[in-house]
Amino acid sequence: MSTSTIAKGITSGLRAAMEQDPKVVLLGEDIGKLGGVFRVTEGLQKDFGEDRVIDTPLAEAGIVGTAIGMALRGYRPVVEIQFDGFVYPAFDHIVSQVAKLRARSLGYVTMPIVIRIPFGGGIGAVEHHSESNETYFAHTAGLRVVACSNPHDAHWMIRQAIESDDPVVFYEPKRRYWDKGEVGETPDGALGSARVLREGTDVTLLAYGPMVKTCLQAAQAAAEEGRSLEVLDLRSLSPLDDAAILASARKTGRVVVVHEASTFLGIGSEISAMVTEQAFYSLEAPVLRVGGYNVPYPPSRLEEEFLPDLDRVLDAVDRSLAY
């Protein structure tokens, strides 16, 4: 057991994967000498060399296209997209090639690519630097989409993602990069599994990435008023851990899904439909959603009005309990 931040948990996970398998190669903008804008890859180029930690041009389509070719030749490339809003030039490659090559080849070709994307707001950044675009990729068959929320999962999930023969879009909550926590000796479940972080009986809060901490804070605040909230960290957005979600929904009878992305056609919409279809008779209230508004991400001076916070989560809890 050791203490780490989320950022350094990813660093140590990348280091362990590179030590274990010489075919693991990192590609991205400024990831080498600089160590990335968030310093997640700091020190790795010095230790593993410029052939395995590759500083690329500012061209996301070229980065992902190169990774596809490397994966076809037996490498396990890990791509860093510097900010969430920069992934769109590579969107065609990801949805047309990365997601489809394994099915297209009837399984003969694997695509062991990990695409790391720092996502979400809360850092006072400019346009294109604070987006939550995970639903685009969760909707795309052939991709695994995961999001870590704490240092332990950051370390182990990046290692599991690199070991996967399926392509993985790996979301990292950038405003939580410096949150500290313990990193254990073994992972908590498979890459596609959810995890209950706090047991409760009255309402289930479902979240992932940066909103997990907000939900844990909401559960603590609610406990002071005698309410018992269960917090489930989804961890995997595609595939969803239906069994864990449904078990918690049936246990509490009330569900609130929380994410930074717009609630319109978001992950919460899919979960709401699934829970309503499969656990309807266990519900005491409709599944409620708390998320960003259906507008372009606002300027930084307004982002605190846009992002879900403790009050908005607790308001949804109150509305659920009022039924």
C-alpha atoms as a PDB file:
ATOM      1  CA  MET A   1       0.000   0.000   0.000  1.00  0.00           C
ATOM      2  CA  SER A   2       1.352   3.405  -0.993  1.00  0.00           C
ATOM      3  CA  THR A   3       0.019   6.960  -1.220  1.00  0.00           C
ATOM      4  CA  SER A   4      -0.235   8.625  -4.610  1.00  0.00           C
ATOM      5  CA  THR A   5      -2.138  11.180  -6.633  1.00  0.00           C
ATOM      6  CA  ILE A   6      -4.307  10.172  -9.569  1.00  0.00           C
ATOM      7  CA  ALA A   7      -1.710  11.619 -11.964  1.00  0.00           C
ATOM      8  CA  LYS A   8       1.160   9.718 -10.384  1.00  0.00           C
ATOM      9  CA  GLY A   9      -0.973   6.583 -10.135  1.00  0.00           C
ATOM     10  CA  ILE A  10      -1.257   6.656 -13.920  1.00  0.00           C
ATOM     11  CA  THR A  11       2.479   7.347 -14.193  1.00  0.00           C
ATOM     12  CA  SER A  12       3.364   4.339 -12.051  1.00  0.00           C
ATOM     13  CA  GLY A  13       0.870   2.199 -13.981  1.00  0.00           C
ATOM     14  CA  LEU A  14       2.444   3.193 -17.294  1.00  0.00           C
ATOM     15  CA  ARG A  15       5.907   2.537 -15.901  1.00  0.00           C
ATOM     16  CA  ALA A  16       4.917  -0.938 -14.673  1.00  0.00           C
ATOM     17  CA  ALA A  17       3.362  -1.805 -18.037  1.00  0.00           C
ATOM     18  CA  MET A  18       6.453  -0.621 -19.922  1.00  0.00           C
ATOM     19  CA  GLU A  19       8.759  -2.612 -17.659  1.00  0.00           C
ATOM     20  CA  GLN A  20       6.607  -5.708 -18.103  1.00  0.00           C
ATOM     21  CA  ASP A  21       6.236  -5.557 -21.904  1.00  0.00           C
ATOM     22  CA  PRO A  22       8.784  -3.991 -24.282  1.00  0.00           C
ATOM     23  CA  LYS A  23       6.040  -3.675 -26.910  1.00  0.00           C
ATOM     24  CA  VAL A  24       4.268  -0.942 -24.875  1.00  0.00           C
ATOM     25  CA  VAL A  25       5.003   2.392 -26.558  1.00  0.00           C
ATOM     26  CA  LEU A  26       3.735   5.869 -25.633  1.00  0.00           C
ATOM     27  CA  LEU A  27       2.866   8.536 -28.219  1.00  0.00           C
ATOM     28  CA  GLY A  28       1.649  12.092 -27.717  1.00  0.00           C
ATOM     29  CA  GLU A  29       2.266  15.808 -27.833  1.00  0.00           C
ATOM     30  CA  ASP A  30       4.947  16.970 -25.370  1.00  0.00           C
ATOM     31  CA  ILE A  31       4.836  13.690 -23.438  1.00  0.00           C
ATOM     32  CA  GLY A  32       8.595  13.096 -23.597  1.00  0.00           C
ATOM     33  CA  LYS A  33      10.991  15.744 -22.409  1.00  0.00           C
ATOM     34  CA  LEU A  34       8.212  17.863 -20.858  1.00  0.00           C
ATOM     35  CA  GLY A  35       6.370  14.895 -19.357  1.00  0.00           C
ATOM     36  CA  GLY A  36       2.997  16.067 -20.687  1.00  0.00           C
ATOM     37  CA  VAL A  37       1.100  19.224 -19.767  1.00  0.00           C
ATOM     38  CA  PHE A  38      -0.099  17.495 -16.583  1.00  0.00           C
ATOM     39  CA  ARG A  39       3.282  15.781 -16.056  1.00  0.00           C
ATOM     40  CA  VAL A  40       1.655  12.333 -16.181  1.00  0.00           C
ATOM     41  CA  THR A  41       4.491  10.894 -18.318  1.00  0.00           C
ATOM     42  CA  GLU A  42       7.249  12.728 -16.443  1.00  0.00           C
ATOM     43  CA  GLY A  43      10.525  10.810 -16.334  1.00  0.00           C
ATOM     44  CA  LEU A  44       9.409   8.017 -18.655  1.00  0.00           C
ATOM     45  CA  GLN A  45      11.310   9.176 -21.739  1.00  0.00           C
ATOM     46  CA  LYS A  46      14.476   9.551 -19.677  1.00  0.00           C
ATOM     47  CA  ASP A  47      14.131   5.970 -18.400  1.00  0.00           C
ATOM     48  CA  PHE A  48      12.802   4.210 -21.518  1.00  0.00           C
ATOM     49  CA  GLY A  49      14.213   6.320 -24.356  1.00  0.00           C
ATOM     50  CA  GLU A  50      12.840   8.317 -27.256  1.00  0.00           C
ATOM     51  CA  ASP A  51      11.888   5.190 -29.198  1.00  0.00           C
ATOM     52  CA  ARG A  52       9.323   4.173 -26.580  1.00  0.00           C
ATOM     53  CA  VAL A  53       8.119   7.577 -25.360  1.00  0.00           C
ATOM     54  CA  ILE A  54       7.614   9.475 -28.584  1.00  0.00           C
ATOM     55  CA  ASP A  55       7.004  13.215 -28.873  1.00  0.00           C
ATOM     56  CA  THR A  56       4.668  13.631 -31.828  1.00  0.00           C
ATOM     57  CA  PRO A  57       3.644  16.555 -34.030  1.00  0.00           C
ATOM     58  CA  LEU A  58       0.472  18.451 -33.083  1.00  0.00           C
ATOM     59  CA  ALA A  59      -1.708  16.189 -35.220  1.00  0.00           C
ATOM     60  CA  GLU A  60      -4.159  13.902 -33.440  1.00  0.00           C
ATOM     61  CA  ALA A  61      -5.204  12.130 -36.640  1.00  0.00           C
ATOM     62  CA  GLY A  62      -1.565  11.346 -37.317  1.00  0.00           C
ATOM     63  CA  ILE A  63      -0.965  10.164 -33.757  1.00  0.00           C
ATOM     64  CA  VAL A  64      -3.878   7.724 -33.758  1.00  0.00           C
ATOM     65  CA  GLY A  65      -3.193   6.642 -37.340  1.00  0.00           C
ATOM     66  CA  THR A  66       0.389   5.819 -36.361  1.00  0.00           C
ATOM     67  CA  ALA A  67      -0.890   3.896 -33.322  1.00  0.00           C
ATOM     68  CA  ILE A  68      -3.155   1.798 -35.566  1.00  0.00           C
ATOM     69  CA  GLY A  69      -0.192   0.820 -37.731  1.00  0.00           C
ATOM     70  CA  MET A  70       1.899  -0.011 -34.677  1.00  0.00           C
ATOM     71  CA  ALA A  71      -0.881  -2.152 -33.193  1.00  0.00           C
ATOM     72  CA  LEU A  72      -1.147  -4.064 -36.473  1.00  0.00           C
ATOM     73  CA  ARG A  73       2.593  -4.788 -36.190  1.00  0.00           C
ATOM     74  CA  GLY A  74       2.320  -6.214 -32.675  1.00  0.00           C
ATOM     75  CA  TYR A  75       2.947  -3.179 -30.490  1.00  0.00           C
ATOM     76  CA  ARG A  76       0.702  -1.949 -27.680  1.00  0.00           C
ATOM     77  CA  PRO A  77       0.585   1.824 -28.225  1.00  0.00           C
ATOM     78  CA  VAL A  78      -0.714   4.190 -25.548  1.00  0.00           C
ATOM     79  CA  VAL A  79      -1.799   7.493 -27.066  1.00  0.00           C
ATOM     80  CA  GLU A  80      -2.186  10.677 -25.055  1.00  0.00           C
ATOM     81  CA  ILE A  81      -4.700  13.217 -26.335  1.00  0.00           C
ATOM     82  CA  GLN A  82      -3.536  16.380 -24.587  1.00  0.00           C
ATOM     83  CA  PHE A  83      -7.046  17.680 -23.827  1.00  0.00           C
ATOM     84  CA  ASP A  84     -10.516  16.221 -24.344  1.00  0.00           C
ATOM     85  CA  GLY A  85     -11.513  18.763 -27.017  1.00  0.00           C
ATOM     86  CA  PHE A  86      -8.467  17.871 -29.131  1.00  0.00           C
ATOM     87  CA  VAL A  87      -9.654  14.340 -29.936  1.00  0.00           C
ATOM     88  CA  TYR A  88     -11.978  15.299 -32.798  1.00  0.00           C
ATOM     89  CA  PRO A  89      -9.355  15.347 -35.593  1.00  0.00           C
ATOM     90  CA  ALA A  90      -8.774  11.665 -34.716  1.00  0.00           C
ATOM     91  CA  PHE A  91     -12.477  10.822 -34.456  1.00  0.00           C
ATOM     92  CA  ASP A  92     -12.643   9.278 -37.926  1.00  0.00           C
ATOM     93  CA  HIS A  93      -9.728   6.934 -37.195  1.00  0.00           C
ATOM     94  CA  ILE A  94     -11.180   5.915 -33.825  1.00  0.00           C
ATOM     95  CA  VAL A  95     -14.733   5.121 -34.938  1.00  0.00           C
ATOM     96  CA  SER A  96     -13.965   3.906 -38.483  1.00  0.00           C
ATOM     97  CA  GLN A  97     -10.779   1.898 -37.895  1.00  0.00           C
ATOM     98  CA  VAL A  98      -9.822   1.406 -34.235  1.00  0.00           C
ATOM     99  CA  ALA A  99     -13.311   0.280 -33.222  1.00  0.00           C
ATOM    100  CA  LYS A 100     -13.942  -1.923 -36.263  1.00  0.00           C
ATOM    101  CA  LEU A 101     -10.713  -3.674 -37.265  1.00  0.00           C
ATOM    102  CA  ARG A 102     -11.140  -6.616 -34.893  1.00  0.00           C
ATOM    103  CA  ALA A 103     -14.688  -7.316 -36.076  1.00  0.00           C
ATOM    104  CA  ARG A 104     -13.743  -6.643 -39.701  1.00  0.00           C
ATOM    105  CA  SER A 105     -11.031  -9.307 -39.512  1.00  0.00           C
ATOM    106  CA  LEU A 106     -13.297 -11.813 -37.692  1.00  0.00           C
ATOM    107  CA  GLY A 107     -11.031 -11.577 -34.668  1.00  0.00           C
ATOM    108  CA  TYR A 108      -7.775 -12.328 -36.464  1.00  0.00           C
ATOM    109  CA  VAL A 109      -6.496  -8.787 -35.898  1.00  0.00           C
ATOM    110  CA  THR A 110      -6.470  -7.276 -32.418  1.00  0.00           C
ATOM    111  CA  MET A 111      -6.296  -3.556 -31.713  1.00  0.00           C
ATOM    112  CA  PRO A 112      -4.547  -3.177 -28.322  1.00  0.00           C
ATOM    113  CA  ILE A 113      -4.558   0.632 -28.344  1.00  0.00           C
ATOM    114  CA  VAL A 114      -5.182   2.783 -25.269  1.00  0.00           C
ATOM    115  CA  ILE A 115      -6.292   6.358 -25.932  1.00  0.00           C
ATOM    116  CA  ARG A 116      -5.778   8.473 -22.812  1.00  0.00           C
ATOM    117  CA  ILE A 117      -7.998  11.552 -22.577  1.00  0.00           C
ATOM    118  CA  PRO A 118      -7.948  14.060 -19.673  1.00  0.00           C
ATOM    119  CA  PHE A 119     -11.598  15.157 -19.475  1.00  0.00           C
ATOM    120  CA  GLY A 120     -14.050  17.433 -17.728  1.00  0.00           C
ATOM    121  CA  GLY A 121     -13.957  20.970 -16.417  1.00  0.00           C
ATOM    122  CA  GLY A 122     -13.094  22.765 -13.251  1.00  0.00           C
ATOM    123  CA  ILE A 123      -9.586  23.990 -14.098  1.00  0.00           C
ATOM    124  CA  GLY A 124     -10.435  27.415 -15.503  1.00  0.00           C
ATOM    125  CA  ALA A 125      -9.294  26.526 -19.007  1.00  0.00           C
ATOM    126  CA  VAL A 126     -10.113  28.050 -22.380  1.00  0.00           C
ATOM    127  CA  GLU A 127     -12.334  26.640 -25.129  1.00  0.00           C
ATOM    128  CA  HIS A 128     -11.714  22.998 -26.210  1.00  0.00           C
ATOM    129  CA  HIS A 129     -10.003  22.178 -22.884  1.00  0.00           C
ATOM    130  CA  SER A 130     -12.935  21.208 -20.633  1.00  0.00           C
ATOM    131  CA  GLU A 131     -15.241  18.856 -22.500  1.00  0.00           C
ATOM    132  CA  SER A 132     -16.997  15.632 -21.553  1.00  0.00           C
ATOM    133  CA  ASN A 133     -17.264  13.748 -24.831  1.00  0.00           C
ATOM    134  CA  GLU A 134     -17.336  10.205 -23.462  1.00  0.00           C
ATOM    135  CA  THR A 135     -20.786   9.389 -24.866  1.00  0.00           C
ATOM    136  CA  TYR A 136     -19.530   9.610 -28.459  1.00  0.00           C
ATOM    137  CA  PHE A 137     -17.188   6.714 -27.792  1.00  0.00           C
ATOM    138  CA  ALA A 138     -19.442   4.750 -25.435  1.00  0.00           C
ATOM    139  CA  HIS A 139     -21.985   4.734 -28.285  1.00  0.00           C
ATOM    140  CA  THR A 140     -19.399   3.236 -30.662  1.00  0.00           C
ATOM    141  CA  ALA A 141     -19.448  -0.565 -30.680  1.00  0.00           C
ATOM    142  CA  GLY A 142     -15.969  -2.088 -30.528  1.00  0.00           C
ATOM    143  CA  LEU A 143     -14.506   0.352 -28.023  1.00  0.00           C
ATOM    144  CA  ARG A 144     -14.087  -0.063 -24.302  1.00  0.00           C
ATOM    145  CA  VAL A 145     -14.609   3.231 -22.468  1.00  0.00           C
ATOM    146  CA  VAL A 146     -13.486   3.608 -18.862  1.00  0.00           C
ATOM    147  CA  ALA A 147     -12.942   6.442 -16.377  1.00  0.00           C
ATOM    148  CA  CYS A 148     -10.894   6.356 -13.195  1.00  0.00           C
ATOM    149  CA  SER A 149     -11.752   8.433 -10.115  1.00  0.00           C
ATOM    150  CA  ASN A 150      -9.032   7.687  -7.563  1.00  0.00           C
ATOM    151  CA  PRO A 151      -5.285   6.869  -7.449  1.00  0.00           C
ATOM    152  CA  HIS A 152      -5.797   3.130  -6.878  1.00  0.00           C
ATOM    153  CA  ASP A 153      -7.966   2.735  -9.966  1.00  0.00           C
ATOM    154  CA  ALA A 154      -5.761   5.127 -11.949  1.00  0.00           C
ATOM    155  CA  HIS A 155      -2.785   2.800 -11.428  1.00  0.00           C
ATOM    156  CA  TRP A 156      -4.498  -0.524 -11.946  1.00  0.00           C
ATOM    157  CA  MET A 157      -7.018   0.401 -14.627  1.00  0.00           C
ATOM    158  CA  ILE A 158      -4.344   1.838 -16.944  1.00  0.00           C
ATOM    159  CA  ARG A 159      -2.409  -1.416 -16.569  1.00  0.00           C
ATOM    160  CA  GLN A 160      -5.534  -3.474 -17.288  1.00  0.00           C
ATOM    161  CA  ALA A 161      -6.338  -1.261 -20.280  1.00  0.00           C
ATOM    162  CA  ILE A 162      -2.863  -1.778 -21.752  1.00  0.00           C
ATOM    163  CA  GLU A 163      -3.175  -5.548 -21.288  1.00  0.00           C
ATOM    164  CA  SER A 164      -6.523  -5.605 -23.112  1.00  0.00           C
ATOM    165  CA  ASP A 165      -6.569  -6.749 -26.735  1.00  0.00           C
ATOM    166  CA  ASP A 166      -9.559  -4.461 -27.295  1.00  0.00           C
ATOM    167  CA  PRO A 167      -9.080  -0.735 -27.865  1.00  0.00           C
ATOM    168  CA  VAL A 168      -9.707   1.283 -24.701  1.00  0.00           C
ATOM    169  CA  VAL A 169     -10.609   4.958 -24.427  1.00  0.00           C
ATOM    170  CA  PHE A 170      -9.244   5.861 -21.003  1.00  0.00           C
ATOM    171  CA  TYR A 171     -10.745   8.992 -19.435  1.00  0.00           C
ATOM    172  CA  GLU A 172      -8.848  10.781 -16.683  1.00  0.00           C
ATOM    173  CA  PRO A 173     -10.558  13.441 -14.507  1.00  0.00           C
ATOM    174  CA  LYS A 174      -8.151  16.329 -14.970  1.00  0.00           C
ATOM    175  CA  ARG A 175      -9.380  18.437 -12.059  1.00  0.00           C
ATOM    176  CA  ARG A 176      -8.823  15.472  -9.744  1.00  0.00           C
ATOM    177  CA  TYR A 177      -5.284  14.702 -10.960  1.00  0.00           C
ATOM    178  CA  TRP A 178      -3.769  15.944  -7.702  1.00  0.00           C
ATOM    179  CA  ASP A 179      -6.215  14.238  -5.318  1.00  0.00           C
ATOM    180  CA  LYS A 180      -4.364  11.823  -3.056  1.00  0.00           C
ATOM    181  CA  GLY A 181      -5.244   8.311  -1.970  1.00  0.00           C
ATOM    182  CA  GLU A 182      -3.941   4.830  -1.296  1.00  0.00           C
ATOM    183  CA  VAL A 183      -2.825   2.471  -4.060  1.00  0.00           C
ATOM    184  CA  GLY A 184      -3.220  -1.164  -3.102  1.00  0.00           C
ATOM    185  CA  GLU A 185      -1.339  -4.246  -4.242  1.00  0.00           C
ATOM    186  CA  THR A 186      -4.104  -5.656  -6.480  1.00  0.00           C
ATOM    187  CA  PRO A 187      -6.842  -4.226  -8.715  1.00  0.00           C
ATOM    188  CA  ASP A 188     -10.446  -3.972  -7.506  1.00  0.00           C
ATOM    189  CA  GLY A 189     -12.179  -6.129 -10.047  1.00  0.00           C
ATOM    190  CA  ALA A 190     -12.024  -6.454 -13.812  1.00  0.00           C
ATOM    191  CA  LEU A 191     -11.729  -3.467 -16.136  1.00  0.00           C
ATOM    192  CA  GLY A 192     -15.453  -3.521 -16.932  1.00  0.00           C
ATOM    193  CA  SER A 193     -16.711  -3.653 -13.354  1.00  0.00           C
ATOM    194  CA  ALA A 194     -18.330  -1.003 -11.171  1.00  0.00           C
ATOM    195  CA  ARG A 195     -17.535  -0.641  -7.466  1.00  0.00           C
ATOM    196  CA  VAL A 196     -19.560   0.420  -4.429  1.00  0.00           C
ATOM    197  CA  LEU A 197     -17.477   3.041  -2.622  1.00  0.00           C
ATOM    198  CA  ARG A 198     -20.027   3.748   0.112  1.00  0.00           C
ATOM    199  CA  GLU A 199     -22.850   1.498   1.249  1.00  0.00           C
ATOM    200  CA  GLY A 200     -26.309   3.007   1.718  1.00  0.00           C
ATOM    201  CA  THR A 201     -29.986   2.140   1.878  1.00  0.00           C
ATOM    202  CA  ASP A 202     -32.057   5.199   0.862  1.00  0.00           C
ATOM    203  CA  VAL A 203     -30.782   6.422  -2.535  1.00  0.00           C
ATOM    204  CA  THR A 204     -28.152   5.202  -5.011  1.00  0.00           C
ATOM    205  CA  LEU A 205     -25.803   7.777  -6.517  1.00  0.00           C
ATOM    206  CA  LEU A 206     -24.192   6.563  -9.749  1.00  0.00           C
ATOM    207  CA  ALA A 207     -21.174   8.509 -10.996  1.00  0.00           C
ATOM    208  CA  TYR A 208     -17.807   8.236 -12.720  1.00  0.00           C
ATOM    209  CA  GLY A 209     -14.648  10.276 -13.068  1.00  0.00           C
ATOM    210  CA  PRO A 210     -14.682  13.720 -11.423  1.00  0.00           C
ATOM    211  CA  MET A 211     -18.234  13.414 -10.078  1.00  0.00           C
ATOM    212  CA  VAL A 212     -17.441  10.441  -7.835  1.00  0.00           C
ATOM    213  CA  LYS A 213     -15.800  12.709  -5.266  1.00  0.00           C
ATOM    214  CA  THR A 214     -18.762  15.098  -5.425  1.00  0.00           C
ATOM    215  CA  CYS A 215     -21.162  12.207  -4.763  1.00  0.00           C
ATOM    216  CA  LEU A 216     -19.089  10.957  -1.833  1.00  0.00           C
ATOM    217  CA  GLN A 217     -19.219  14.467  -0.372  1.00  0.00           C
ATOM    218  CA  ALA A 218     -22.988  14.526  -0.923  1.00  0.00           C
ATOM    219  CA  ALA A 219     -23.356  11.195   0.847  1.00  0.00           C
ATOM    220  CA  GLN A 220     -21.384  12.518   3.801  1.00  0.00           C
ATOM    221  CA  ALA A 221     -23.525  15.656   3.986  1.00  0.00           C
ATOM    222  CA  ALA A 222     -26.731  13.618   3.714  1.00  0.00           C
ATOM    223  CA  ALA A 223     -25.582  11.302   6.514  1.00  0.00           C
ATOM    224  CA  GLU A 224     -25.505  14.279   8.854  1.00  0.00           C
ATOM    225  CA  GLU A 225     -29.242  14.623   8.185  1.00  0.00           C
ATOM    226  CA  GLY A 226     -29.920  10.933   8.755  1.00  0.00           C
ATOM    227  CA  ARG A 227     -30.055   9.874   5.124  1.00  0.00           C
ATOM    228  CA  SER A 228     -28.122   6.864   3.845  1.00  0.00           C
ATOM    229  CA  LEU A 229     -26.797   7.248   0.309  1.00  0.00           C
ATOM    230  CA  GLU A 230     -25.031   4.496  -1.615  1.00  0.00           C
ATOM    231  CA  VAL A 231     -22.283   5.651  -4.005  1.00  0.00           C
ATOM    232  CA  LEU A 232     -21.458   3.428  -6.962  1.00  0.00           C
ATOM    233  CA  ASP A 233     -18.417   4.311  -9.091  1.00  0.00           C
ATOM    234  CA  LEU A 234     -19.311   3.090 -12.583  1.00  0.00           C
ATOM    235  CA  ARG A 235     -15.624   2.964 -13.676  1.00  0.00           C
ATOM    236  CA  SER A 236     -16.654   1.456 -17.032  1.00  0.00           C
ATOM    237  CA  LEU A 237     -19.012   3.289 -19.396  1.00  0.00           C
ATOM    238  CA  SER A 238     -18.847   0.692 -22.138  1.00  0.00           C
ATOM    239  CA  PRO A 239     -19.595  -1.964 -21.233  1.00  0.00           C
ATOM    240  CA  LEU A 240     -21.708  -0.868 -18.283  1.00  0.00           C
ATOM    241  CA  ASP A 241     -21.758  -3.169 -15.264  1.00  0.00           C
ATOM    242  CA  ASP A 242     -25.497  -3.776 -15.493  1.00  0.00           C
ATOM    243  CA  ALA A 243     -25.506  -6.308 -12.662  1.00  0.00           C
ATOM    244  CA  ALA A 244     -23.928  -3.917 -10.139  1.00  0.00           C
ATOM    245  CA  ILE A 245     -26.161  -1.022 -11.191  1.00  0.00           C
ATOM    246  CA  LEU A 246     -29.334  -3.094 -10.980  1.00  0.00           C
ATOM    247  CA  ALA A 247     -28.341  -4.634  -7.643  1.00  0.00           C
ATOM    248  CA  SER A 248     -27.916  -1.202  -6.089  1.00  0.00           C
ATOM    249  CA  ALA A 249     -31.113   0.127  -7.698  1.00  0.00           C
ATOM    250  CA  ARG A 250     -33.131  -2.789  -6.336  1.00  0.00           C
ATOM    251  CA  LYS A 251     -31.538  -2.342  -2.912  1.00  0.00           C
ATOM    252  CA  THR A 252     -32.383   1.350  -2.456  1.00  0.00           C
ATOM    253  CA  GLY A 253     -35.330   1.793  -4.833  1.00  0.00           C
ATOM    254  CA  ARG A 254     -34.092   5.256  -5.806  1.00  0.00           C
ATOM    255  CA  VAL A 255     -31.380   6.186  -8.304  1.00  0.00           C
ATOM    256  CA  VAL A 256     -29.673   9.472  -9.192  1.00  0.00           C
ATOM    257  CA  VAL A 257     -27.096   9.460 -12.018  1.00  0.00           C
ATOM    258  CA  VAL A 258     -24.489  12.233 -11.913  1.00  0.00           C
ATOM    259  CA  HIS A 259     -22.060  13.292 -14.659  1.00  0.00           C
ATOM    260  CA  GLU A 260     -20.512  16.499 -16.001  1.00  0.00           C
ATOM    261  CA  ALA A 261     -21.640  15.879 -19.578  1.00  0.00           C
ATOM    262  CA  SER A 262     -25.017  17.141 -20.741  1.00  0.00           C
ATOM    263  CA  THR A 263     -27.883  14.934 -19.599  1.00  0.00           C
ATOM    264  CA  PHE A 264     -29.302  15.039 -23.158  1.00  0.00           C
ATOM    265  CA  LEU A 265     -28.472  11.640 -24.708  1.00  0.00           C
ATOM    266  CA  GLY A 266     -25.816  11.139 -22.012  1.00  0.00           C
ATOM    267  CA  ILE A 267     -24.695   8.073 -20.039  1.00  0.00           C
ATOM    268  CA  GLY A 268     -27.444   8.869 -17.541  1.00  0.00           C
ATOM    269  CA  SER A 269     -30.076   8.442 -20.258  1.00  0.00           C
ATOM    270  CA  GLU A 270     -28.904   4.914 -21.031  1.00  0.00           C
ATOM    271  CA  ILE A 271     -28.720   3.970 -17.349  1.00  0.00           C
ATOM    272  CA  SER A 272     -32.177   5.433 -16.720  1.00  0.00           C
ATOM    273  CA  ALA A 273     -33.636   3.379 -19.551  1.00  0.00           C
ATOM    274  CA  MET A 274     -31.871   0.195 -18.449  1.00  0.00           C
ATOM    275  CA  VAL A 275     -32.895   0.521 -14.795  1.00  0.00           C
ATOM    276  CA  THR A 276     -36.492   1.384 -15.739  1.00  0.00           C
ATOM    277  CA  GLU A 277     -36.714  -1.579 -18.109  1.00  0.00           C
ATOM    278  CA  GLN A 278     -35.152  -4.156 -15.783  1.00  0.00           C
ATOM    279  CA  ALA A 279     -35.889  -2.960 -12.231  1.00  0.00           C
ATOM    280  CA  PHE A 280     -39.129  -1.026 -12.624  1.00  0.00           C
ATOM    281  CA  TYR A 281     -41.000  -2.820  -9.858  1.00  0.00           C
ATOM    282  CA  SER A 282     -38.182  -2.185  -7.388  1.00  0.00           C
ATOM    283  CA  LEU A 283     -38.243   1.585  -7.901  1.00  0.00           C
ATOM    284  CA  GLU A 284     -39.873   3.978  -5.468  1.00  0.00           C
ATOM    285  CA  ALA A 285     -39.189   7.021  -7.677  1.00  0.00           C
ATOM    286  CA  PRO A 286     -38.159   7.821 -11.261  1.00  0.00           C
ATOM    287  CA  VAL A 287     -34.453   7.631 -12.068  1.00  0.00           C
ATOM    288  CA  LEU A 288     -33.166  11.211 -11.894  1.00  0.00           C
ATOM    289  CA  ARG A 289     -30.190  12.751 -13.682  1.00  0.00           C
ATOM    290  CA  VAL A 290     -27.835  15.547 -12.650  1.00  0.00           C
ATOM    291  CA  GLY A 291     -25.443  16.831 -15.290  1.00  0.00           C
ATOM    292  CA  GLY A 292     -24.140  19.680 -17.349  1.00  0.00           C
ATOM    293  CA  TYR A 293     -26.558  21.772 -19.362  1.00  0.00           C
ATOM    294  CA  ASN A 294     -27.144  21.204 -23.071  1.00  0.00           C
ATOM    295  CA  VAL A 295     -25.010  24.155 -24.163  1.00  0.00           C
ATOM    296  CA  PRO A 296     -21.385  24.506 -25.305  1.00  0.00           C
ATOM    297  CA  TYR A 297     -19.009  24.509 -22.348  1.00  0.00           C
ATOM    298  CA  PRO A 298     -19.032  28.070 -20.960  1.00  0.00           C
ATOM    299  CA  PRO A 299     -16.114  30.451 -20.348  1.00  0.00           C
ATOM    300  CA  SER A 300     -14.164  29.629 -17.199  1.00  0.00           C
ATOM    301  CA  ARG A 301     -15.755  32.419 -15.173  1.00  0.00           C
ATOM    302  CA  LEU A 302     -19.110  30.642 -15.576  1.00  0.00           C
ATOM    303  CA  GLU A 303     -18.068  27.008 -15.240  1.00  0.00           C
ATOM    304  CA  GLU A 304     -19.040  26.748 -11.574  1.00  0.00           C
ATOM    305  CA  GLU A 305     -22.602  27.593 -12.644  1.00  0.00           C
ATOM    306  CA  PHE A 306     -22.449  24.875 -15.305  1.00  0.00           C
ATOM    307  CA  LEU A 307     -20.854  21.987 -13.421  1.00  0.00           C
ATOM    308  CA  PRO A 308     -22.940  19.774 -11.124  1.00  0.00           C
ATOM    309  CA  ASP A 309     -22.089  20.456  -7.487  1.00  0.00           C
ATOM    310  CA  LEU A 310     -23.012  19.288  -4.001  1.00  0.00           C
ATOM    311  CA  ASP A 311     -26.224  21.346  -3.883  1.00  0.00           C
ATOM    312  CA  ARG A 312     -27.529  20.054  -7.207  1.00  0.00           C
ATOM    313  CA  VAL A 313     -26.850  16.440  -6.203  1.00  0.00           C
ATOM    314  CA  LEU A 314     -28.545  16.877  -2.823  1.00  0.00           C
ATOM    315  CA  ASP A 315     -31.496  18.605  -4.495  1.00  0.00           C
ATOM    316  CA  ALA A 316     -31.959  15.541  -6.713  1.00  0.00           C
ATOM    317  CA  VAL A 317     -31.775  13.324  -3.629  1.00  0.00           C
ATOM    318  CA  ASP A 318     -34.503  15.416  -1.982  1.00  0.00           C
ATOM    319  CA  ARG A 319     -36.690  15.169  -5.089  1.00  0.00           C
ATOM    320  CA  SER A 320     -36.203  11.405  -5.250  1.00  0.00           C
ATOM    321  CA  LEU A 321     -37.112  10.960  -1.590  1.00  0.00           C
ATOM    322  CA  ALA A 322     -40.170  13.163  -1.999  1.00  0.00           C
ATOM    323  CA  TYR A 323     -41.929  10.559  -4.169  1.00  0.00           C
END
